[in-house]
Each structure stands twice: as C-alpha cells, then as structure tokens.
PDB file of N, CA and C in Angstrom:
ATOM      1  N   UNK A   1       0.845  -1.176   0.000  1.00  0.00           N
ATOM      2  CA  UNK A   1       0.000   0.000   0.000  1.00  0.00           C
ATOM      3  C   UNK A   1       0.887   1.234   0.000  1.00  0.00           C
ATOM      4  N   UNK A   2       0.496   2.237  -0.710  1.00  0.00           N
ATOM      5  CA  UNK A   2       1.269   3.468  -0.806  1.00  0.00           C
ATOM      6  C   UNK A   2       0.371   4.660  -0.524  1.00  0.00           C
ATOM      7  N   UNK A   3       0.922   5.637   0.155  1.00  0.00           N
ATOM      8  CA  UNK A   3       0.202   6.868   0.421  1.00  0.00           C
ATOM      9  C   UNK A   3       0.842   7.951  -0.424  1.00  0.00           C
ATOM     10  N   UNK A   4       0.079   8.570  -1.274  1.00  0.00           N
ATOM     11  CA  UNK A   4       0.655   9.622  -2.112  1.00  0.00           C
ATOM     12  C   UNK A   4       0.757  10.911  -1.312  1.00  0.00           C
ATOM     13  N   UNK A   5       1.724  11.719  -1.667  1.00  0.00           N
ATOM     14  CA  UNK A   5       1.965  12.976  -0.973  1.00  0.00           C
ATOM     15  C   UNK A   5       1.270  14.112  -1.707  1.00  0.00           C
ATOM     16  N   UNK A   6       0.567  14.904  -1.000  1.00  0.00           N
ATOM     17  CA  UNK A   6      -0.161  16.035  -1.555  1.00  0.00           C
ATOM     18  C   UNK A   6       0.755  17.257  -1.588  1.00  0.00           C
ATOM     19  N   UNK A   7       1.111  17.738  -2.779  1.00  0.00           N
ATOM     20  CA  UNK A   7       2.034  18.870  -2.916  1.00  0.00           C
ATOM     21  C   UNK A   7       1.467  20.153  -2.316  1.00  0.00           C
ATOM     22  N   UNK A   8       0.151  20.310  -2.308  1.00  0.00           N
ATOM     23  CA  UNK A   8      -0.422  21.513  -1.715  1.00  0.00           C
ATOM     24  C   UNK A   8      -0.160  21.542  -0.219  1.00  0.00           C
ATOM     25  N   UNK A   9      -0.159  20.383   0.417  1.00  0.00           N
ATOM     26  CA  UNK A   9       0.149  20.339   1.840  1.00  0.00           C
ATOM     27  C   UNK A   9       1.589  20.792   2.060  1.00  0.00           C
ATOM     28  N   UNK A  10       2.491  20.402   1.161  1.00  0.00           N
ATOM     29  CA  UNK A  10       3.897  20.776   1.292  1.00  0.00           C
ATOM     30  C   UNK A  10       4.067  22.290   1.321  1.00  0.00           C
ATOM     31  N   UNK A  11       3.374  23.004   0.462  1.00  0.00           N
ATOM     32  CA  UNK A  11       3.535  24.454   0.405  1.00  0.00           C
ATOM     33  C   UNK A  11       2.950  25.147   1.631  1.00  0.00           C
ATOM     34  N   UNK A  12       2.066  24.492   2.329  1.00  0.00           N
ATOM     35  CA  UNK A  12       1.427  25.099   3.491  1.00  0.00           C
ATOM     36  C   UNK A  12       2.027  24.625   4.808  1.00  0.00           C
ATOM     37  N   UNK A  13       3.090  23.831   4.756  1.00  0.00           N
ATOM     38  CA  UNK A  13       3.650  23.298   5.986  1.00  0.00           C
ATOM     39  C   UNK A  13       4.136  24.414   6.893  1.00  0.00           C
ATOM     40  N   UNK A  14       3.967  24.187   8.174  1.00  0.00           N
ATOM     41  CA  UNK A  14       4.296  25.200   9.159  1.00  0.00           C
ATOM     42  C   UNK A  14       5.727  25.019   9.657  1.00  0.00           C
ATOM     43  N   UNK A  15       6.337  26.116  10.071  1.00  0.00           N
ATOM     44  CA  UNK A  15       7.604  26.014  10.786  1.00  0.00           C
ATOM     45  C   UNK A  15       7.252  25.612  12.209  1.00  0.00           C
ATOM     46  N   UNK A  16       8.127  24.890  12.858  1.00  0.00           N
ATOM     47  CA  UNK A  16       7.725  24.331  14.139  1.00  0.00           C
ATOM     48  C   UNK A  16       8.826  24.435  15.190  1.00  0.00           C
ATOM     49  N   UNK A  17       8.948  25.543  15.877  1.00  0.00           N
ATOM     50  CA  UNK A  17       9.937  25.632  16.937  1.00  0.00           C
ATOM     51  C   UNK A  17       9.503  24.783  18.124  1.00  0.00           C
ATOM     52  N   UNK A  18      10.449  24.021  18.699  1.00  0.00           N
ATOM     53  CA  UNK A  18      10.087  23.286  19.907  1.00  0.00           C
ATOM     54  C   UNK A  18      10.342  24.132  21.131  1.00  0.00           C
ATOM     55  N   UNK A  19      11.083  25.192  20.970  1.00  0.00           N
ATOM     56  CA  UNK A  19      11.083  26.271  21.945  1.00  0.00           C
ATOM     57  C   UNK A  19      11.482  27.538  21.220  1.00  0.00           C
ATOM     58  N   UNK A  20      11.424  28.652  21.889  1.00  0.00           N
ATOM     59  CA  UNK A  20      11.583  29.917  21.187  1.00  0.00           C
ATOM     60  C   UNK A  20      13.012  30.232  20.773  1.00  0.00           C
ATOM     61  N   UNK A  21      13.982  29.471  21.212  1.00  0.00           N
ATOM     62  CA  UNK A  21      15.350  29.852  20.876  1.00  0.00           C
ATOM     63  C   UNK A  21      15.904  29.176  19.638  1.00  0.00           C
ATOM     64  N   UNK A  22      15.187  28.222  19.027  1.00  0.00           N
ATOM     65  CA  UNK A  22      15.672  27.648  17.770  1.00  0.00           C
ATOM     66  C   UNK A  22      14.553  27.032  16.957  1.00  0.00           C
ATOM     67  N   UNK A  23      14.837  26.877  15.668  1.00  0.00           N
ATOM     68  CA  UNK A  23      13.887  26.215  14.775  1.00  0.00           C
ATOM     69  C   UNK A  23      14.648  25.665  13.567  1.00  0.00           C
ATOM     70  N   UNK A  24      14.366  24.412  13.253  1.00  0.00           N
ATOM     71  CA  UNK A  24      14.901  23.766  12.055  1.00  0.00           C
ATOM     72  C   UNK A  24      13.811  23.802  10.987  1.00  0.00           C
ATOM     73  N   UNK A  25      14.194  23.960   9.750  1.00  0.00           N
ATOM     74  CA  UNK A  25      13.226  23.994   8.651  1.00  0.00           C
ATOM     75  C   UNK A  25      13.379  22.750   7.782  1.00  0.00           C
ATOM     76  N   UNK A  26      12.257  22.102   7.519  1.00  0.00           N
ATOM     77  CA  UNK A  26      12.236  20.873   6.737  1.00  0.00           C
ATOM     78  C   UNK A  26      11.270  21.017   5.571  1.00  0.00           C
ATOM     79  N   UNK A  27      11.508  20.212   4.540  1.00  0.00           N
ATOM     80  CA  UNK A  27      10.576  20.119   3.404  1.00  0.00           C
ATOM     81  C   UNK A  27      10.486  18.650   3.011  1.00  0.00           C
ATOM     82  N   UNK A  28       9.272  18.141   2.915  1.00  0.00           N
ATOM     83  CA  UNK A  28       9.051  16.753   2.529  1.00  0.00           C
ATOM     84  C   UNK A  28       9.288  16.616   1.029  1.00  0.00           C
ATOM     85  N   UNK A  29      10.190  15.713   0.656  1.00  0.00           N
ATOM     86  CA  UNK A  29      10.456  15.439  -0.758  1.00  0.00           C
ATOM     87  C   UNK A  29       9.574  14.312  -1.266  1.00  0.00           C
ATOM     88  N   UNK A  30       9.419  13.274  -0.448  1.00  0.00           N
ATOM     89  CA  UNK A  30       8.517  12.182  -0.818  1.00  0.00           C
ATOM     90  C   UNK A  30       8.047  11.463   0.438  1.00  0.00           C
ATOM     91  N   UNK A  31       6.860  10.884   0.337  1.00  0.00           N
ATOM     92  CA  UNK A  31       6.246  10.164   1.445  1.00  0.00           C
ATOM     93  C   UNK A  31       5.457   9.010   0.859  1.00  0.00           C
ATOM     94  N   UNK A  32       5.871   7.819   1.191  1.00  0.00           N
ATOM     95  CA  UNK A  32       5.113   6.637   0.814  1.00  0.00           C
ATOM     96  C   UNK A  32       5.130   5.706   2.009  1.00  0.00           C
ATOM     97  N   UNK A  33       4.345   4.701   1.971  1.00  0.00           N
ATOM     98  CA  UNK A  33       4.089   3.841   3.119  1.00  0.00           C
ATOM     99  C   UNK A  33       5.308   3.678   4.027  1.00  0.00           C
ATOM    100  N   UNK A  34       5.299   4.369   5.155  1.00  0.00           N
ATOM    101  CA  UNK A  34       6.285   4.271   6.235  1.00  0.00           C
ATOM    102  C   UNK A  34       7.680   4.780   5.875  1.00  0.00           C
ATOM    103  N   UNK A  35       7.858   5.392   4.707  1.00  0.00           N
ATOM    104  CA  UNK A  35       9.174   5.897   4.298  1.00  0.00           C
ATOM    105  C   UNK A  35       9.054   7.353   3.867  1.00  0.00           C
ATOM    106  N   UNK A  36       9.965   8.167   4.391  1.00  0.00           N
ATOM    107  CA  UNK A  36       9.968   9.588   4.055  1.00  0.00           C
ATOM    108  C   UNK A  36      11.340  10.009   3.565  1.00  0.00           C
ATOM    109  N   UNK A  37      11.343  10.947   2.637  1.00  0.00           N
ATOM    110  CA  UNK A  37      12.563  11.637   2.233  1.00  0.00           C
ATOM    111  C   UNK A  37      12.331  13.110   2.536  1.00  0.00           C
ATOM    112  N   UNK A  38      13.263  13.698   3.287  1.00  0.00           N
ATOM    113  CA  UNK A  38      13.078  15.052   3.790  1.00  0.00           C
ATOM    114  C   UNK A  38      14.324  15.878   3.514  1.00  0.00           C
ATOM    115  N   UNK A  39      14.115  17.069   3.017  1.00  0.00           N
ATOM    116  CA  UNK A  39      15.210  18.013   2.812  1.00  0.00           C
ATOM    117  C   UNK A  39      15.323  18.902   4.045  1.00  0.00           C
ATOM    118  N   UNK A  40      16.539  19.052   4.541  1.00  0.00           N
ATOM    119  CA  UNK A  40      16.803  19.985   5.630  1.00  0.00           C
ATOM    120  C   UNK A  40      17.088  21.333   4.973  1.00  0.00           C
ATOM    121  N   UNK A  41      16.215  22.286   5.214  1.00  0.00           N
ATOM    122  CA  UNK A  41      16.307  23.581   4.540  1.00  0.00           C
ATOM    123  C   UNK A  41      17.149  24.591   5.304  1.00  0.00           C
ATOM    124  N   UNK A  42      17.462  24.306   6.557  1.00  0.00           N
ATOM    125  CA  UNK A  42      18.310  25.212   7.334  1.00  0.00           C
ATOM    126  C   UNK A  42      17.694  25.561   8.671  1.00  0.00           C
ATOM    127  N   UNK A  43      18.146  26.674   9.213  1.00  0.00           N
ATOM    128  CA  UNK A  43      17.716  27.156  10.524  1.00  0.00           C
ATOM    129  C   UNK A  43      17.177  28.575  10.404  1.00  0.00           C
ATOM    130  N   UNK A  44      16.233  28.903  11.253  1.00  0.00           N
ATOM    131  CA  UNK A  44      15.788  30.293  11.338  1.00  0.00           C
ATOM    132  C   UNK A  44      16.754  31.118  12.175  1.00  0.00           C
ATOM    133  N   UNK A  45      17.401  30.476  13.133  1.00  0.00           N
ATOM    134  CA  UNK A  45      18.362  31.144  14.004  1.00  0.00           C
ATOM    135  C   UNK A  45      19.605  30.280  14.139  1.00  0.00           C
ATOM    136  N   UNK A  46      20.707  30.889  14.470  1.00  0.00           N
ATOM    137  CA  UNK A  46      21.950  30.151  14.688  1.00  0.00           C
ATOM    138  C   UNK A  46      21.901  29.460  16.046  1.00  0.00           C
ATOM    139  N   UNK A  47      22.307  28.206  16.054  1.00  0.00           N
ATOM    140  CA  UNK A  47      22.396  27.433  17.295  1.00  0.00           C
ATOM    141  C   UNK A  47      23.807  26.894  17.390  1.00  0.00           C
ATOM    142  N   UNK A  48      24.449  27.083  18.519  1.00  0.00           N
ATOM    143  CA  UNK A  48      25.779  26.519  18.717  1.00  0.00           C
ATOM    144  C   UNK A  48      25.665  25.008  18.851  1.00  0.00           C
ATOM    145  N   UNK A  49      26.559  24.303  18.184  1.00  0.00           N
ATOM    146  CA  UNK A  49      26.559  22.841  18.244  1.00  0.00           C
ATOM    147  C   UNK A  49      27.052  22.403  19.616  1.00  0.00           C
ATOM    148  N   UNK A  50      26.311  21.497  20.240  1.00  0.00           N
ATOM    149  CA  UNK A  50      26.714  20.924  21.529  1.00  0.00           C
ATOM    150  C   UNK A  50      26.152  19.515  21.630  1.00  0.00           C
ATOM    151  N   UNK A  51      26.274  18.899  22.783  1.00  0.00           N
ATOM    152  CA  UNK A  51      25.866  17.499  22.952  1.00  0.00           C
ATOM    153  C   UNK A  51      24.359  17.291  22.795  1.00  0.00           C
ATOM    154  N   UNK A  52      23.559  18.326  22.923  1.00  0.00           N
ATOM    155  CA  UNK A  52      22.104  18.209  22.803  1.00  0.00           C
ATOM    156  C   UNK A  52      21.578  18.524  21.402  1.00  0.00           C
ATOM    157  N   UNK A  53      22.402  19.069  20.554  1.00  0.00           N
ATOM    158  CA  UNK A  53      21.972  19.552  19.236  1.00  0.00           C
ATOM    159  C   UNK A  53      21.237  18.475  18.440  1.00  0.00           C
ATOM    160  N   UNK A  54      21.815  17.285  18.349  1.00  0.00           N
ATOM    161  CA  UNK A  54      21.199  16.215  17.571  1.00  0.00           C
ATOM    162  C   UNK A  54      19.803  15.872  18.114  1.00  0.00           C
ATOM    163  N   UNK A  55      19.670  15.807  19.424  1.00  0.00           N
ATOM    164  CA  UNK A  55      18.393  15.439  20.031  1.00  0.00           C
ATOM    165  C   UNK A  55      17.351  16.544  19.832  1.00  0.00           C
ATOM    166  N   UNK A  56      17.774  17.802  19.863  1.00  0.00           N
ATOM    167  CA  UNK A  56      16.862  18.899  19.538  1.00  0.00           C
ATOM    168  C   UNK A  56      16.390  18.766  18.094  1.00  0.00           C
ATOM    169  N   UNK A  57      17.319  18.430  17.214  1.00  0.00           N
ATOM    170  CA  UNK A  57      17.006  18.263  15.796  1.00  0.00           C
ATOM    171  C   UNK A  57      15.945  17.176  15.603  1.00  0.00           C
ATOM    172  N   UNK A  58      16.136  16.018  16.235  1.00  0.00           N
ATOM    173  CA  UNK A  58      15.192  14.902  16.087  1.00  0.00           C
ATOM    174  C   UNK A  58      13.835  15.265  16.687  1.00  0.00           C
ATOM    175  N   UNK A  59      13.829  15.912  17.853  1.00  0.00           N
ATOM    176  CA  UNK A  59      12.562  16.347  18.445  1.00  0.00           C
ATOM    177  C   UNK A  59      11.830  17.300  17.512  1.00  0.00           C
ATOM    178  N   UNK A  60      12.575  18.240  16.936  1.00  0.00           N
ATOM    179  CA  UNK A  60      11.981  19.209  16.023  1.00  0.00           C
ATOM    180  C   UNK A  60      11.447  18.519  14.770  1.00  0.00           C
ATOM    181  N   UNK A  61      12.165  17.530  14.263  1.00  0.00           N
ATOM    182  CA  UNK A  61      11.726  16.761  13.099  1.00  0.00           C
ATOM    183  C   UNK A  61      10.420  16.023  13.395  1.00  0.00           C
ATOM    184  N   UNK A  62      10.345  15.351  14.511  1.00  0.00           N
ATOM    185  CA  UNK A  62       9.134  14.611  14.878  1.00  0.00           C
ATOM    186  C   UNK A  62       7.966  15.571  15.111  1.00  0.00           C
ATOM    187  N   UNK A  63       8.237  16.687  15.753  1.00  0.00           N
ATOM    188  CA  UNK A  63       7.206  17.700  15.970  1.00  0.00           C
ATOM    189  C   UNK A  63       6.684  18.229  14.630  1.00  0.00           C
ATOM    190  N   UNK A  64       7.593  18.521  13.714  1.00  0.00           N
ATOM    191  CA  UNK A  64       7.231  18.979  12.368  1.00  0.00           C
ATOM    192  C   UNK A  64       6.311  17.966  11.682  1.00  0.00           C
ATOM    193  N   UNK A  65       6.677  16.696  11.739  1.00  0.00           N
ATOM    194  CA  UNK A  65       5.871  15.659  11.090  1.00  0.00           C
ATOM    195  C   UNK A  65       4.492  15.543  11.727  1.00  0.00           C
ATOM    196  N   UNK A  66       4.429  15.573  13.049  1.00  0.00           N
ATOM    197  CA  UNK A  66       3.133  15.438  13.715  1.00  0.00           C
ATOM    198  C   UNK A  66       2.247  16.658  13.468  1.00  0.00           C
ATOM    199  N   UNK A  67       2.809  17.852  13.466  1.00  0.00           N
ATOM    200  CA  UNK A  67       2.021  19.063  13.225  1.00  0.00           C
ATOM    201  C   UNK A  67       1.508  19.139  11.791  1.00  0.00           C
ATOM    202  N   UNK A  68       2.176  18.465  10.882  1.00  0.00           N
ATOM    203  CA  UNK A  68       1.747  18.447   9.483  1.00  0.00           C
ATOM    204  C   UNK A  68       0.990  17.169   9.140  1.00  0.00           C
ATOM    205  N   UNK A  69       0.535  16.469  10.184  1.00  0.00           N
ATOM    206  CA  UNK A  69      -0.381  15.330  10.077  1.00  0.00           C
ATOM    207  C   UNK A  69       0.210  14.097   9.402  1.00  0.00           C
ATOM    208  N   UNK A  70       1.511  13.880   9.637  1.00  0.00           N
ATOM    209  CA  UNK A  70       2.120  12.624   9.213  1.00  0.00           C
ATOM    210  C   UNK A  70       1.973  11.631  10.362  1.00  0.00           C
ATOM    211  N   UNK A  71       2.326  10.389  10.130  1.00  0.00           N
ATOM    212  CA  UNK A  71       2.135   9.321  11.114  1.00  0.00           C
ATOM    213  C   UNK A  71       2.907   9.601  12.404  1.00  0.00           C
ATOM    214  N   UNK A  72       2.559   8.877  13.436  1.00  0.00           N
ATOM    215  CA  UNK A  72       3.284   8.982  14.697  1.00  0.00           C
ATOM    216  C   UNK A  72       4.676   8.382  14.556  1.00  0.00           C
ATOM    217  N   UNK A  73       5.582   8.773  15.432  1.00  0.00           N
ATOM    218  CA  UNK A  73       6.995   8.401  15.298  1.00  0.00           C
ATOM    219  C   UNK A  73       7.232   6.897  15.188  1.00  0.00           C
ATOM    220  N   UNK A  74       6.468   6.076  15.851  1.00  0.00           N
ATOM    221  CA  UNK A  74       6.712   4.628  15.796  1.00  0.00           C
ATOM    222  C   UNK A  74       6.134   3.990  14.533  1.00  0.00           C
ATOM    223  N   UNK A  75       5.443   4.750  13.731  1.00  0.00           N
ATOM    224  CA  UNK A  75       4.897   4.232  12.479  1.00  0.00           C
ATOM    225  C   UNK A  75       5.840   4.378  11.296  1.00  0.00           C
ATOM    226  N   UNK A  76       6.997   4.989  11.488  1.00  0.00           N
ATOM    227  CA  UNK A  76       7.952   5.160  10.393  1.00  0.00           C
ATOM    228  C   UNK A  76       8.873   3.958  10.310  1.00  0.00           C
ATOM    229  N   UNK A  77       9.201   3.569   9.108  1.00  0.00           N
ATOM    230  CA  UNK A  77      10.222   2.545   8.898  1.00  0.00           C
ATOM    231  C   UNK A  77      11.570   3.209   8.649  1.00  0.00           C
ATOM    232  N   UNK A  78      11.565   4.207   7.747  1.00  0.00           N
ATOM    233  CA  UNK A  78      12.821   4.858   7.391  1.00  0.00           C
ATOM    234  C   UNK A  78      12.581   6.319   7.035  1.00  0.00           C
ATOM    235  N   UNK A  79      13.456   7.170   7.559  1.00  0.00           N
ATOM    236  CA  UNK A  79      13.477   8.585   7.190  1.00  0.00           C
ATOM    237  C   UNK A  79      14.868   8.882   6.654  1.00  0.00           C
ATOM    238  N   UNK A  80      14.919   9.364   5.422  1.00  0.00           N
ATOM    239  CA  UNK A  80      16.190   9.737   4.804  1.00  0.00           C
ATOM    240  C   UNK A  80      16.240  11.256   4.706  1.00  0.00           C
ATOM    241  N   UNK A  81      17.329  11.830   5.219  1.00  0.00           N
ATOM    242  CA  UNK A  81      17.500  13.278   5.226  1.00  0.00           C
ATOM    243  C   UNK A  81      18.494  13.711   4.161  1.00  0.00           C
ATOM    244  N   UNK A  82      18.168  14.782   3.482  1.00  0.00           N
ATOM    245  CA  UNK A  82      19.019  15.365   2.446  1.00  0.00           C
ATOM    246  C   UNK A  82      19.407  16.782   2.862  1.00  0.00           C
ATOM    247  N   UNK A  83      20.501  17.262   2.315  1.00  0.00           N
ATOM    248  CA  UNK A  83      20.953  18.646   2.500  1.00  0.00           C
ATOM    249  C   UNK A  83      21.332  18.990   3.938  1.00  0.00           C
ATOM    250  N   UNK A  84      21.965  18.054   4.626  1.00  0.00           N
ATOM    251  CA  UNK A  84      22.406  18.337   5.991  1.00  0.00           C
ATOM    252  C   UNK A  84      23.413  19.477   6.048  1.00  0.00           C
ATOM    253  N   UNK A  85      24.094  19.734   4.934  1.00  0.00           N
ATOM    254  CA  UNK A  85      25.052  20.846   4.912  1.00  0.00           C
ATOM    255  C   UNK A  85      24.353  22.188   5.157  1.00  0.00           C
ATOM    256  N   UNK A  86      23.040  22.248   4.969  1.00  0.00           N
ATOM    257  CA  UNK A  86      22.298  23.480   5.244  1.00  0.00           C
ATOM    258  C   UNK A  86      22.246  23.818   6.728  1.00  0.00           C
ATOM    259  N   UNK A  87      22.626  22.861   7.577  1.00  0.00           N
ATOM    260  CA  UNK A  87      22.704  23.136   9.013  1.00  0.00           C
ATOM    261  C   UNK A  87      23.951  23.945   9.357  1.00  0.00           C
ATOM    262  N   UNK A  88      24.883  24.042   8.414  1.00  0.00           N
ATOM    263  CA  UNK A  88      26.123  24.803   8.568  1.00  0.00           C
ATOM    264  C   UNK A  88      26.892  24.391   9.823  1.00  0.00           C
ATOM    265  N   UNK A  89      27.097  23.084   9.951  1.00  0.00           N
ATOM    266  CA  UNK A  89      27.807  22.548  11.114  1.00  0.00           C
ATOM    267  C   UNK A  89      29.308  22.452  10.909  1.00  0.00           C
ATOM    268  N   UNK A  90      29.774  22.641   9.691  1.00  0.00           N
ATOM    269  CA  UNK A  90      31.216  22.599   9.356  1.00  0.00           C
ATOM    270  C   UNK A  90      31.862  21.340   9.919  1.00  0.00           C
ATOM    271  N   UNK A  91      32.830  21.502  10.805  1.00  0.00           N
ATOM    272  CA  UNK A  91      33.579  20.349  11.328  1.00  0.00           C
ATOM    273  C   UNK A  91      32.734  19.453  12.229  1.00  0.00           C
ATOM    274  N   UNK A  92      31.568  19.889  12.651  1.00  0.00           N
ATOM    275  CA  UNK A  92      30.704  19.075  13.513  1.00  0.00           C
ATOM    276  C   UNK A  92      29.741  18.187  12.727  1.00  0.00           C
ATOM    277  N   UNK A  93      29.709  18.321  11.414  1.00  0.00           N
ATOM    278  CA  UNK A  93      28.761  17.552  10.606  1.00  0.00           C
ATOM    279  C   UNK A  93      28.989  16.050  10.731  1.00  0.00           C
ATOM    280  N   UNK A  94      30.234  15.601  10.732  1.00  0.00           N
ATOM    281  CA  UNK A  94      30.504  14.164  10.869  1.00  0.00           C
ATOM    282  C   UNK A  94      30.041  13.642  12.222  1.00  0.00           C
ATOM    283  N   UNK A  95      30.248  14.416  13.280  1.00  0.00           N
ATOM    284  CA  UNK A  95      29.776  14.008  14.605  1.00  0.00           C
ATOM    285  C   UNK A  95      28.250  13.931  14.616  1.00  0.00           C
ATOM    286  N   UNK A  96      27.605  14.906  14.013  1.00  0.00           N
ATOM    287  CA  UNK A  96      26.145  14.923  13.915  1.00  0.00           C
ATOM    288  C   UNK A  96      25.647  13.668  13.202  1.00  0.00           C
ATOM    289  N   UNK A  97      26.236  13.340  12.068  1.00  0.00           N
ATOM    290  CA  UNK A  97      25.836  12.153  11.301  1.00  0.00           C
ATOM    291  C   UNK A  97      26.076  10.863  12.080  1.00  0.00           C
ATOM    292  N   UNK A  98      27.116  10.824  12.893  1.00  0.00           N
ATOM    293  CA  UNK A  98      27.428   9.608  13.654  1.00  0.00           C
ATOM    294  C   UNK A  98      26.347   9.285  14.681  1.00  0.00           C
ATOM    295  N   UNK A  99      25.561  10.250  15.058  1.00  0.00           N
ATOM    296  CA  UNK A  99      24.516  10.042  16.063  1.00  0.00           C
ATOM    297  C   UNK A  99      23.239   9.425  15.482  1.00  0.00           C
ATOM    298  N   UNK A 100      23.140   9.321  14.167  1.00  0.00           N
ATOM    299  CA  UNK A 100      21.936   8.760  13.552  1.00  0.00           C
ATOM    300  C   UNK A 100      21.638   7.352  14.059  1.00  0.00           C
ATOM    301  N   UNK A 101      22.654   6.590  14.365  1.00  0.00           N
ATOM    302  CA  UNK A 101      22.458   5.212  14.832  1.00  0.00           C
ATOM    303  C   UNK A 101      21.845   5.155  16.234  1.00  0.00           C
ATOM    304  N   UNK A 102      21.782   6.281  16.937  1.00  0.00           N
ATOM    305  CA  UNK A 102      21.175   6.313  18.267  1.00  0.00           C
ATOM    306  C   UNK A 102      19.654   6.213  18.212  1.00  0.00           C
ATOM    307  N   UNK A 103      19.077   6.512  17.069  1.00  0.00           N
ATOM    308  CA  UNK A 103      17.619   6.444  16.912  1.00  0.00           C
ATOM    309  C   UNK A 103      17.239   4.995  16.633  1.00  0.00           C
ATOM    310  N   UNK A 104      16.384   4.440  17.484  1.00  0.00           N
ATOM    311  CA  UNK A 104      16.044   3.020  17.354  1.00  0.00           C
ATOM    312  C   UNK A 104      14.587   2.772  16.968  1.00  0.00           C
ATOM    313  N   UNK A 105      13.740   3.786  17.000  1.00  0.00           N
ATOM    314  CA  UNK A 105      12.327   3.568  16.667  1.00  0.00           C
ATOM    315  C   UNK A 105      12.079   3.539  15.168  1.00  0.00           C
ATOM    316  N   UNK A 106      13.028   4.044  14.380  1.00  0.00           N
ATOM    317  CA  UNK A 106      12.973   3.973  12.920  1.00  0.00           C
ATOM    318  C   UNK A 106      14.391   4.148  12.401  1.00  0.00           C
ATOM    319  N   UNK A 107      14.611   3.784  11.139  1.00  0.00           N
ATOM    320  CA  UNK A 107      15.924   3.983  10.524  1.00  0.00           C
ATOM    321  C   UNK A 107      16.038   5.436  10.094  1.00  0.00           C
ATOM    322  N   UNK A 108      17.035   6.118  10.631  1.00  0.00           N
ATOM    323  CA  UNK A 108      17.310   7.499  10.251  1.00  0.00           C
ATOM    324  C   UNK A 108      18.591   7.490   9.439  1.00  0.00           C
ATOM    325  N   UNK A 109      18.491   7.942   8.192  1.00  0.00           N
ATOM    326  CA  UNK A 109      19.631   7.896   7.279  1.00  0.00           C
ATOM    327  C   UNK A 109      19.873   9.274   6.695  1.00  0.00           C
ATOM    328  N   UNK A 110      21.057   9.455   6.127  1.00  0.00           N
ATOM    329  CA  UNK A 110      21.378  10.709   5.444  1.00  0.00           C
ATOM    330  C   UNK A 110      21.925  10.387   4.076  1.00  0.00           C
ATOM    331  N   UNK A 111      21.780  11.329   3.179  1.00  0.00           N
ATOM    332  CA  UNK A 111      22.290  11.153   1.828  1.00  0.00           C
ATOM    333  C   UNK A 111      23.508  12.023   1.652  1.00  0.00           C
TER     334      UNK A 111
END
C-alpha cells in the first residue's frame, strides 16, 4: 500500500519551533508507506553545536511531522534526510551524522 503525498500540503507546511530559541526547517520530498525523504532547509536562528543539538534536531523533526499530520513516530520505517550541509555545522557535521544510529524507533539515514 502506498500513500501519495499532496504537494499543496507541502507548500502550506508550518515552521515548528520546539522552543523559542531555535527552529529547524524541513521540506518533505517524498512520502510513501512508512518511508519519508526530507530536505533539511536550514535554521531560522543560529544554534551553537553541543551534545544536545542532535536530540533537539530529532525532536523538532518529529514535531514537524506530527504538526503536518504525518504518522506517529513509531509508524515510520525509514526517514532519509538530504541537505544536511544546510545546518552549517562545518567540522561538527561528521559528529552529527554519527549520532543517527542512536535512533532506534525507525531507521534514520542521510544522503
């Protein structure tokens, strides 16, 4: 079974800060049964990279998906992220990517 993605919903997606000091911006590229491809569009504000950054990112991603009426977090099989360089992490990007294996409720991958 496949669920088609409605492009009109994509243009109306909301930005979703999980608190007032930061916000990550995402755009859904494709969505089919339990698999998503998502572009990371960047940040509204600069956030210093630290040990919590990755977890804030994942919380913000899940919040974004739930606010835009996608399935609950345990219903995903795989989420593939594109354009991580838009986070402007420079030398911290490899460390950020290494944390993807910490997510166990679904496969989180990067391109």
